[in-house]
PDB file of N, CA and C in Angstrom:
ATOM      1  N   MET A   1       0.992  -1.407   0.003  1.00  0.00           N
ATOM      2  CA  MET A   1      -0.095  -0.027   0.317  1.00  0.00           C
ATOM      3  C   MET A   1       0.778   1.174  -0.007  1.00  0.00           C
ATOM      4  N   PHE A   2       2.325   1.227   0.637  1.00  0.00           N
ATOM      5  CA  PHE A   2       2.974   2.191   0.766  1.00  0.00           C
ATOM      6  C   PHE A   2       3.522   3.088  -0.579  1.00  0.00           C
ATOM      7  N   SER A   3       3.689   1.407  -1.272  1.00  0.00           N
ATOM      8  CA  SER A   3       4.125   1.902  -2.707  1.00  0.00           C
ATOM      9  C   SER A   3       3.165   2.643  -3.782  1.00  0.00           C
ATOM     10  N   ILE A   4       2.011   2.056  -3.499  1.00  0.00           N
ATOM     11  CA  ILE A   4       1.055   2.958  -4.343  1.00  0.00           C
ATOM     12  C   ILE A   4       1.048   4.518  -4.040  1.00  0.00           C
ATOM     13  N   ILE A   5       0.603   4.627  -2.696  1.00  0.00           N
ATOM     14  CA  ILE A   5       0.817   6.064  -2.249  1.00  0.00           C
ATOM     15  C   ILE A   5       1.978   6.928  -2.507  1.00  0.00           C
ATOM     16  N   LEU A   6       3.014   6.080  -2.473  1.00  0.00           N
ATOM     17  CA  LEU A   6       4.347   6.830  -3.227  1.00  0.00           C
ATOM     18  C   LEU A   6       4.106   7.372  -4.527  1.00  0.00           C
ATOM     19  N   VAL A   7       3.872   6.429  -5.536  1.00  0.00           N
ATOM     20  CA  VAL A   7       3.701   6.758  -6.724  1.00  0.00           C
ATOM     21  C   VAL A   7       2.646   7.913  -7.099  1.00  0.00           C
ATOM     22  N   GLN A   8       1.569   7.736  -6.278  1.00  0.00           N
ATOM     23  CA  GLN A   8       0.624   8.523  -6.907  1.00  0.00           C
ATOM     24  C   GLN A   8       0.568  10.108  -6.436  1.00  0.00           C
ATOM     25  N   ALA A   9       1.741  10.128  -4.858  1.00  0.00           N
ATOM     26  CA  ALA A   9       2.044  11.234  -4.559  1.00  0.00           C
ATOM     27  C   ALA A   9       3.330  11.833  -5.964  1.00  0.00           C
ATOM     28  N   SER A  10       4.209  11.032  -6.462  1.00  0.00           N
ATOM     29  CA  SER A  10       4.848  11.943  -6.982  1.00  0.00           C
ATOM     30  C   SER A  10       4.365  12.175  -8.473  1.00  0.00           C
ATOM     31  N   ILE A  11       3.346  11.670  -9.115  1.00  0.00           N
ATOM     32  CA  ILE A  11       2.237  11.802  -9.901  1.00  0.00           C
ATOM     33  C   ILE A  11       1.527  13.452  -9.998  1.00  0.00           C
ATOM     34  N   GLY A  12       1.044  13.196  -8.793  1.00  0.00           N
ATOM     35  CA  GLY A  12       0.154  14.135  -8.337  1.00  0.00           C
ATOM     36  C   GLY A  12       1.039  15.403  -8.016  1.00  0.00           C
ATOM     37  N   MET A  13       2.294  15.261  -7.480  1.00  0.00           N
ATOM     38  CA  MET A  13       3.277  16.607  -7.485  1.00  0.00           C
ATOM     39  C   MET A  13       3.371  17.259  -8.671  1.00  0.00           C
ATOM     40  N   ALA A  14       3.750  16.366  -9.746  1.00  0.00           N
ATOM     41  CA  ALA A  14       3.900  16.669 -11.216  1.00  0.00           C
ATOM     42  C   ALA A  14       2.803  17.451 -11.602  1.00  0.00           C
ATOM     43  N   PHE A  15       1.611  16.923 -11.652  1.00  0.00           N
ATOM     44  CA  PHE A  15       0.195  17.632 -12.049  1.00  0.00           C
ATOM     45  C   PHE A  15       0.040  18.989 -11.409  1.00  0.00           C
ATOM     46  N   THR A  16       0.570  18.898 -10.097  1.00  0.00           N
ATOM     47  CA  THR A  16       0.546  19.981  -9.240  1.00  0.00           C
ATOM     48  C   THR A  16       0.953  21.266  -9.903  1.00  0.00           C
ATOM     49  N   ILE A  17       2.537  20.980 -10.159  1.00  0.00           N
ATOM     50  CA  ILE A  17       3.533  21.820 -10.485  1.00  0.00           C
ATOM     51  C   ILE A  17       2.780  22.190 -11.877  1.00  0.00           C
ATOM     52  N   LEU A  18       2.416  21.436 -12.557  1.00  0.00           N
ATOM     53  CA  LEU A  18       1.609  22.071 -14.194  1.00  0.00           C
ATOM     54  C   LEU A  18       0.497  22.808 -13.909  1.00  0.00           C
ATOM     55  N   LEU A  19      -0.125  22.290 -13.134  1.00  0.00           N
ATOM     56  CA  LEU A  19      -1.226  23.255 -12.962  1.00  0.00           C
ATOM     57  C   LEU A  19      -1.022  24.508 -12.857  1.00  0.00           C
ATOM     58  N   GLU A  20      -0.224  24.807 -11.355  1.00  0.00           N
ATOM     59  CA  GLU A  20       0.087  25.646 -10.958  1.00  0.00           C
ATOM     60  C   GLU A  20       0.912  27.014 -11.627  1.00  0.00           C
ATOM     61  N   ALA A  21       1.595  26.193 -12.734  1.00  0.00           N
ATOM     62  CA  ALA A  21       2.160  26.878 -13.925  1.00  0.00           C
ATOM     63  C   ALA A  21       1.432  27.097 -15.080  1.00  0.00           C
ATOM     64  N   ALA A  22       0.313  26.745 -15.146  1.00  0.00           N
ATOM     65  CA  ALA A  22      -0.838  27.179 -15.995  1.00  0.00           C
ATOM     66  C   ALA A  22      -1.703  28.262 -15.647  1.00  0.00           C
ATOM     67  N   LEU A  23      -1.962  27.916 -14.473  1.00  0.00           N
ATOM     68  CA  LEU A  23      -2.947  29.123 -13.799  1.00  0.00           C
ATOM     69  C   LEU A  23      -2.102  30.527 -13.852  1.00  0.00           C
ATOM     70  N   SER A  24      -0.962  29.969 -13.328  1.00  0.00           N
ATOM     71  CA  SER A  24      -0.002  31.600 -12.913  1.00  0.00           C
ATOM     72  C   SER A  24       0.314  32.120 -14.259  1.00  0.00           C
ATOM     73  N   TYR A  25       0.338  31.638 -15.394  1.00  0.00           N
ATOM     74  CA  TYR A  25       0.564  31.968 -16.978  1.00  0.00           C
ATOM     75  C   TYR A  25      -0.784  32.551 -17.360  1.00  0.00           C
ATOM     76  N   ILE A  26      -1.925  32.369 -16.774  1.00  0.00           N
ATOM     77  CA  ILE A  26      -2.748  32.812 -17.182  1.00  0.00           C
ATOM     78  C   ILE A  26      -3.639  33.926 -16.212  1.00  0.00           C
ATOM     79  N   GLY A  27      -3.006  34.031 -15.326  1.00  0.00           N
ATOM     80  CA  GLY A  27      -2.433  35.375 -14.317  1.00  0.00           C
ATOM     81  C   GLY A  27      -3.744  34.742 -13.204  1.00  0.00           C
ATOM     82  N   MET A  28      -4.059  33.438 -13.098  1.00  0.00           N
ATOM     83  CA  MET A  28      -4.926  33.082 -12.056  1.00  0.00           C
ATOM     84  C   MET A  28      -4.451  32.732 -10.929  1.00  0.00           C
ATOM     85  N   GLY A  29      -3.090  32.560 -10.673  1.00  0.00           N
ATOM     86  CA  GLY A  29      -2.333  31.515 -10.143  1.00  0.00           C
ATOM     87  C   GLY A  29      -2.003  32.377  -8.771  1.00  0.00           C
ATOM     88  N   VAL A  30      -0.682  32.239  -8.633  1.00  0.00           N
ATOM     89  CA  VAL A  30       0.018  33.208  -7.188  1.00  0.00           C
ATOM     90  C   VAL A  30      -0.213  34.544  -7.427  1.00  0.00           C
ATOM     91  N   GLN A  31      -0.260  35.489  -6.669  1.00  0.00           N
ATOM     92  CA  GLN A  31      -0.337  37.109  -6.933  1.00  0.00           C
ATOM     93  C   GLN A  31       1.227  36.995  -7.576  1.00  0.00           C
ATOM     94  N   PRO A  32       1.419  37.985  -8.130  1.00  0.00           N
ATOM     95  CA  PRO A  32       2.717  38.634  -8.522  1.00  0.00           C
ATOM     96  C   PRO A  32       3.925  38.981  -7.618  1.00  0.00           C
ATOM     97  N   PRO A  33       3.815  39.533  -6.419  1.00  0.00           N
ATOM     98  CA  PRO A  33       5.023  39.680  -5.665  1.00  0.00           C
ATOM     99  C   PRO A  33       5.669  38.205  -5.584  1.00  0.00           C
ATOM    100  N   THR A  34       5.176  37.294  -5.574  1.00  0.00           N
ATOM    101  CA  THR A  34       5.792  35.672  -5.676  1.00  0.00           C
ATOM    102  C   THR A  34       5.961  34.892  -6.827  1.00  0.00           C
ATOM    103  N   ALA A  35       7.406  35.000  -6.690  1.00  0.00           N
ATOM    104  CA  ALA A  35       7.714  34.489  -8.194  1.00  0.00           C
ATOM    105  C   ALA A  35       7.357  32.986  -8.601  1.00  0.00           C
ATOM    106  N   THR A  36       6.530  32.332  -9.711  1.00  0.00           N
ATOM    107  CA  THR A  36       6.281  31.073 -10.392  1.00  0.00           C
ATOM    108  C   THR A  36       6.906  30.855 -11.397  1.00  0.00           C
ATOM    109  N   TRP A  37       7.059  29.636 -11.796  1.00  0.00           N
ATOM    110  CA  TRP A  37       7.618  29.510 -13.471  1.00  0.00           C
ATOM    111  C   TRP A  37       6.576  30.007 -14.524  1.00  0.00           C
ATOM    112  N   GLY A  38       5.481  29.917 -14.237  1.00  0.00           N
ATOM    113  CA  GLY A  38       4.102  30.324 -14.930  1.00  0.00           C
ATOM    114  C   GLY A  38       4.399  31.835 -15.302  1.00  0.00           C
ATOM    115  N   THR A  39       4.406  32.337 -14.042  1.00  0.00           N
ATOM    116  CA  THR A  39       4.494  33.943 -13.949  1.00  0.00           C
ATOM    117  C   THR A  39       5.597  34.393 -15.093  1.00  0.00           C
ATOM    118  N   MET A  40       6.917  33.444 -14.805  1.00  0.00           N
ATOM    119  CA  MET A  40       8.043  34.114 -15.042  1.00  0.00           C
ATOM    120  C   MET A  40       7.675  33.852 -17.015  1.00  0.00           C
ATOM    121  N   LEU A  41       7.147  32.601 -17.447  1.00  0.00           N
ATOM    122  CA  LEU A  41       6.717  32.824 -18.788  1.00  0.00           C
ATOM    123  C   LEU A  41       6.119  33.433 -19.301  1.00  0.00           C
ATOM    124  N   ARG A  42       5.193  34.129 -18.742  1.00  0.00           N
ATOM    125  CA  ARG A  42       4.196  35.042 -19.064  1.00  0.00           C
ATOM    126  C   ARG A  42       5.274  36.625 -19.132  1.00  0.00           C
ATOM    127  N   ASN A  43       6.052  36.677 -18.314  1.00  0.00           N
ATOM    128  CA  ASN A  43       6.705  37.837 -18.239  1.00  0.00           C
ATOM    129  C   ASN A  43       7.636  38.154 -19.482  1.00  0.00           C
ATOM    130  N   ALA A  44       8.138  36.736 -19.471  1.00  0.00           N
ATOM    131  CA  ALA A  44       9.408  36.819 -20.447  1.00  0.00           C
ATOM    132  C   ALA A  44       8.715  36.892 -21.894  1.00  0.00           C
ATOM    133  N   GLN A  45       7.832  36.774 -22.039  1.00  0.00           N
ATOM    134  CA  GLN A  45       6.941  36.281 -23.538  1.00  0.00           C
ATOM    135  C   GLN A  45       7.564  37.332 -24.376  1.00  0.00           C
ATOM    136  N   ARG A  46       6.992  38.529 -24.001  1.00  0.00           N
ATOM    137  CA  ARG A  46       7.633  39.539 -24.647  1.00  0.00           C
ATOM    138  C   ARG A  46       9.107  40.235 -25.046  1.00  0.00           C
ATOM    139  N   PHE A  47      10.048  39.160 -24.477  1.00  0.00           N
ATOM    140  CA  PHE A  47      11.365  39.094 -24.475  1.00  0.00           C
ATOM    141  C   PHE A  47      11.885  37.910 -25.303  1.00  0.00           C
ATOM    142  N   ALA A  48      10.862  37.079 -25.890  1.00  0.00           N
ATOM    143  CA  ALA A  48      11.339  35.906 -26.697  1.00  0.00           C
ATOM    144  C   ALA A  48      12.096  35.803 -27.934  1.00  0.00           C
ATOM    145  N   PHE A  49      12.113  36.973 -28.718  1.00  0.00           N
ATOM    146  CA  PHE A  49      13.240  37.197 -29.855  1.00  0.00           C
ATOM    147  C   PHE A  49      14.193  38.078 -29.568  1.00  0.00           C
ATOM    148  N   ILE A  50      14.256  38.627 -28.742  1.00  0.00           N
ATOM    149  CA  ILE A  50      15.507  39.210 -28.069  1.00  0.00           C
ATOM    150  C   ILE A  50      16.660  38.263 -27.287  1.00  0.00           C
ATOM    151  N   ALA A  51      15.827  38.081 -26.198  1.00  0.00           N
ATOM    152  CA  ALA A  51      16.270  37.115 -25.351  1.00  0.00           C
ATOM    153  C   ALA A  51      16.016  35.739 -25.012  1.00  0.00           C
ATOM    154  N   PRO A  52      15.779  34.819 -25.781  1.00  0.00           N
ATOM    155  CA  PRO A  52      15.083  33.621 -25.713  1.00  0.00           C
ATOM    156  C   PRO A  52      15.194  32.796 -24.578  1.00  0.00           C
ATOM    157  N   TRP A  53      16.451  33.058 -23.784  1.00  0.00           N
ATOM    158  CA  TRP A  53      17.021  32.217 -22.346  1.00  0.00           C
ATOM    159  C   TRP A  53      15.698  32.611 -21.492  1.00  0.00           C
ATOM    160  N   TYR A  54      15.194  33.840 -21.174  1.00  0.00           N
ATOM    161  CA  TYR A  54      14.358  34.225 -20.112  1.00  0.00           C
ATOM    162  C   TYR A  54      13.019  33.262 -20.644  1.00  0.00           C
ATOM    163  N   VAL A  55      12.760  32.732 -21.867  1.00  0.00           N
ATOM    164  CA  VAL A  55      11.447  31.849 -21.964  1.00  0.00           C
ATOM    165  C   VAL A  55      11.977  30.430 -21.876  1.00  0.00           C
ATOM    166  N   ILE A  56      13.365  29.990 -22.459  1.00  0.00           N
ATOM    167  CA  ILE A  56      13.883  28.858 -22.203  1.00  0.00           C
ATOM    168  C   ILE A  56      13.793  28.333 -20.573  1.00  0.00           C
ATOM    169  N   SER A  57      14.470  28.965 -20.015  1.00  0.00           N
ATOM    170  CA  SER A  57      14.833  28.645 -18.798  1.00  0.00           C
ATOM    171  C   SER A  57      13.537  28.258 -17.491  1.00  0.00           C
ATOM    172  N   PRO A  58      12.662  28.999 -17.445  1.00  0.00           N
ATOM    173  CA  PRO A  58      11.648  28.161 -16.905  1.00  0.00           C
ATOM    174  C   PRO A  58      10.334  27.195 -17.416  1.00  0.00           C
ATOM    175  N   GLY A  59      10.931  27.188 -18.637  1.00  0.00           N
ATOM    176  CA  GLY A  59      10.387  26.031 -19.552  1.00  0.00           C
ATOM    177  C   GLY A  59      10.703  24.710 -19.168  1.00  0.00           C
ATOM    178  N   LEU A  60      12.359  24.978 -18.993  1.00  0.00           N
ATOM    179  CA  LEU A  60      12.740  23.646 -18.861  1.00  0.00           C
ATOM    180  C   LEU A  60      12.964  23.210 -17.766  1.00  0.00           C
ATOM    181  N   CYS A  61      12.643  24.141 -16.492  1.00  0.00           N
ATOM    182  CA  CYS A  61      12.832  24.033 -15.535  1.00  0.00           C
ATOM    183  C   CYS A  61      11.337  23.145 -15.212  1.00  0.00           C
ATOM    184  N   ILE A  62      10.364  23.619 -15.743  1.00  0.00           N
ATOM    185  CA  ILE A  62       8.941  22.753 -15.645  1.00  0.00           C
ATOM    186  C   ILE A  62       9.378  21.304 -16.330  1.00  0.00           C
ATOM    187  N   PHE A  63       9.608  21.604 -17.391  1.00  0.00           N
ATOM    188  CA  PHE A  63       9.570  20.220 -18.017  1.00  0.00           C
ATOM    189  C   PHE A  63      10.744  18.981 -17.164  1.00  0.00           C
ATOM    190  N   PHE A  64      11.845  19.434 -16.704  1.00  0.00           N
ATOM    191  CA  PHE A  64      12.779  18.380 -16.143  1.00  0.00           C
ATOM    192  C   PHE A  64      12.226  18.241 -14.623  1.00  0.00           C
ATOM    193  N   ILE A  65      11.536  18.791 -14.318  1.00  0.00           N
ATOM    194  CA  ILE A  65      10.907  18.730 -12.807  1.00  0.00           C
ATOM    195  C   ILE A  65       9.630  17.855 -13.045  1.00  0.00           C
ATOM    196  N   VAL A  66       8.831  17.833 -14.149  1.00  0.00           N
ATOM    197  CA  VAL A  66       7.684  17.073 -14.416  1.00  0.00           C
ATOM    198  C   VAL A  66       8.436  15.641 -14.367  1.00  0.00           C
ATOM    199  N   LEU A  67       9.398  15.600 -15.357  1.00  0.00           N
ATOM    200  CA  LEU A  67       9.653  14.204 -16.104  1.00  0.00           C
ATOM    201  C   LEU A  67      10.261  13.552 -14.863  1.00  0.00           C
ATOM    202  N   ILE A  68      11.121  14.172 -14.169  1.00  0.00           N
ATOM    203  CA  ILE A  68      12.102  13.723 -12.890  1.00  0.00           C
ATOM    204  C   ILE A  68      10.883  13.220 -11.851  1.00  0.00           C
ATOM    205  N   LEU A  69       9.758  13.924 -11.691  1.00  0.00           N
ATOM    206  CA  LEU A  69       8.931  13.391 -10.501  1.00  0.00           C
ATOM    207  C   LEU A  69       8.209  11.937 -11.236  1.00  0.00           C
ATOM    208  N   ASN A  70       8.117  11.989 -12.569  1.00  0.00           N
ATOM    209  CA  ASN A  70       7.318  10.988 -13.438  1.00  0.00           C
ATOM    210  C   ASN A  70       8.397   9.615 -13.542  1.00  0.00           C
ATOM    211  N   PHE A  71       9.692   9.788 -13.741  1.00  0.00           N
ATOM    212  CA  PHE A  71      10.621   8.647 -13.901  1.00  0.00           C
ATOM    213  C   PHE A  71      10.595   8.067 -12.045  1.00  0.00           C
ATOM    214  N   LEU A  72      10.507   8.978 -11.271  1.00  0.00           N
ATOM    215  CA  LEU A  72      10.962   8.814  -9.939  1.00  0.00           C
ATOM    216  C   LEU A  72       9.390   7.846  -9.268  1.00  0.00           C
ATOM    217  N   GLY A  73       8.274   8.459  -9.816  1.00  0.00           N
ATOM    218  CA  GLY A  73       7.218   7.154  -9.468  1.00  0.00           C
ATOM    219  C   GLY A  73       7.347   5.941 -10.125  1.00  0.00           C
ATOM    220  N   ASP A  74       7.704   6.050 -11.606  1.00  0.00           N
ATOM    221  CA  ASP A  74       7.927   4.630 -12.006  1.00  0.00           C
ATOM    222  C   ASP A  74       9.264   4.000 -11.310  1.00  0.00           C
ATOM    223  N   ARG A  75      10.084   4.280 -11.360  1.00  0.00           N
ATOM    224  CA  ARG A  75      10.864   3.510 -10.262  1.00  0.00           C
ATOM    225  C   ARG A  75      10.409   3.227  -8.926  1.00  0.00           C
ATOM    226  N   ILE A  76      10.264   3.512  -8.228  1.00  0.00           N
ATOM    227  CA  ILE A  76       9.004   3.250  -6.899  1.00  0.00           C
ATOM    228  C   ILE A  76       8.360   2.285  -7.457  1.00  0.00           C
ATOM    229  N   ARG A  77       7.566   2.433  -7.963  1.00  0.00           N
ATOM    230  CA  ARG A  77       6.590   1.424  -8.718  1.00  0.00           C
ATOM    231  C   ARG A  77       7.209  -0.119  -9.198  1.00  0.00           C
ATOM    232  N   ASP A  78       8.309   0.234  -9.740  1.00  0.00           N
ATOM    233  CA  ASP A  78       8.984  -0.668 -10.132  1.00  0.00           C
ATOM    234  C   ASP A  78       9.658  -1.571  -9.184  1.00  0.00           C
ATOM    235  N   ASN A  79      10.518  -0.804  -7.984  1.00  0.00           N
ATOM    236  CA  ASN A  79      11.005  -1.277  -7.086  1.00  0.00           C
ATOM    237  C   ASN A  79      10.118  -1.903  -6.131  1.00  0.00           C
ATOM    238  N   MET A  80       9.111  -1.497  -5.989  1.00  0.00           N
ATOM    239  CA  MET A  80       8.125  -2.155  -4.950  1.00  0.00           C
ATOM    240  C   MET A  80       7.335  -3.068  -5.340  1.00  0.00           C
ATOM    241  N   ASP A  81       6.826  -3.260  -6.580  1.00  0.00           N
ATOM    242  CA  ASP A  81       5.861  -4.230  -6.775  1.00  0.00           C
ATOM    243  C   ASP A  81       6.827  -5.814  -7.242  1.00  0.00           C
ATOM    244  N   PRO A  82       6.004  -6.770  -6.498  1.00  0.00           N
ATOM    245  CA  PRO A  82       7.015  -7.681  -6.592  1.00  0.00           C
ATOM    246  C   PRO A  82       6.682  -8.530  -7.967  1.00  0.00           C
ATOM    247  N   LYS A  83       5.808  -8.246  -8.638  1.00  0.00           N
ATOM    248  CA  LYS A  83       5.393  -8.818  -9.663  1.00  0.00           C
ATOM    249  C   LYS A  83       5.949  -8.068 -10.956  1.00  0.00           C
ATOM    250  N   LEU A  84       6.914  -7.091 -10.697  1.00  0.00           N
ATOM    251  CA  LEU A  84       7.697  -6.952 -11.577  1.00  0.00           C
ATOM    252  C   LEU A  84       9.143  -7.103 -11.646  1.00  0.00           C
ATOM    253  N   ARG A  85       9.436  -7.261 -10.043  1.00  0.00           N
ATOM    254  CA  ARG A  85      10.854  -7.785  -9.951  1.00  0.00           C
ATOM    255  C   ARG A  85      10.743  -9.376 -10.219  1.00  0.00           C
ATOM    256  N   GLY A  86      10.452  -9.876 -10.286  1.00  0.00           N
ATOM    257  CA  GLY A  86      10.181 -11.231 -11.033  1.00  0.00           C
ATOM    258  C   GLY A  86      10.248 -12.241  -9.538  1.00  0.00           C
ATOM    259  N   ALA A  87       9.905 -11.380  -8.626  1.00  0.00           N
ATOM    260  CA  ALA A  87      10.054 -12.417  -7.439  1.00  0.00           C
ATOM    261  C   ALA A  87       8.793 -13.800  -7.012  1.00  0.00           C
TER     262      ALA A  87
END
């Protein structure tokens, strides 16, 4: 049961990060004094052609954190599930 909770928590965290970034991007997330990746993407949009790293940096951070959390959930599931270990 513990492994199922860990896998669900890692996938839930990834989904929460994506949801928060999306809501902040459209202006419905965390309010402006607090820095979030969605707010950074929205503010950097006007500099996309002049300084593309302003857009690439928060986008890559979102991408890699969500990817790592998904891989972590898969790894936990693979290590904890006796059917997948061959035991």
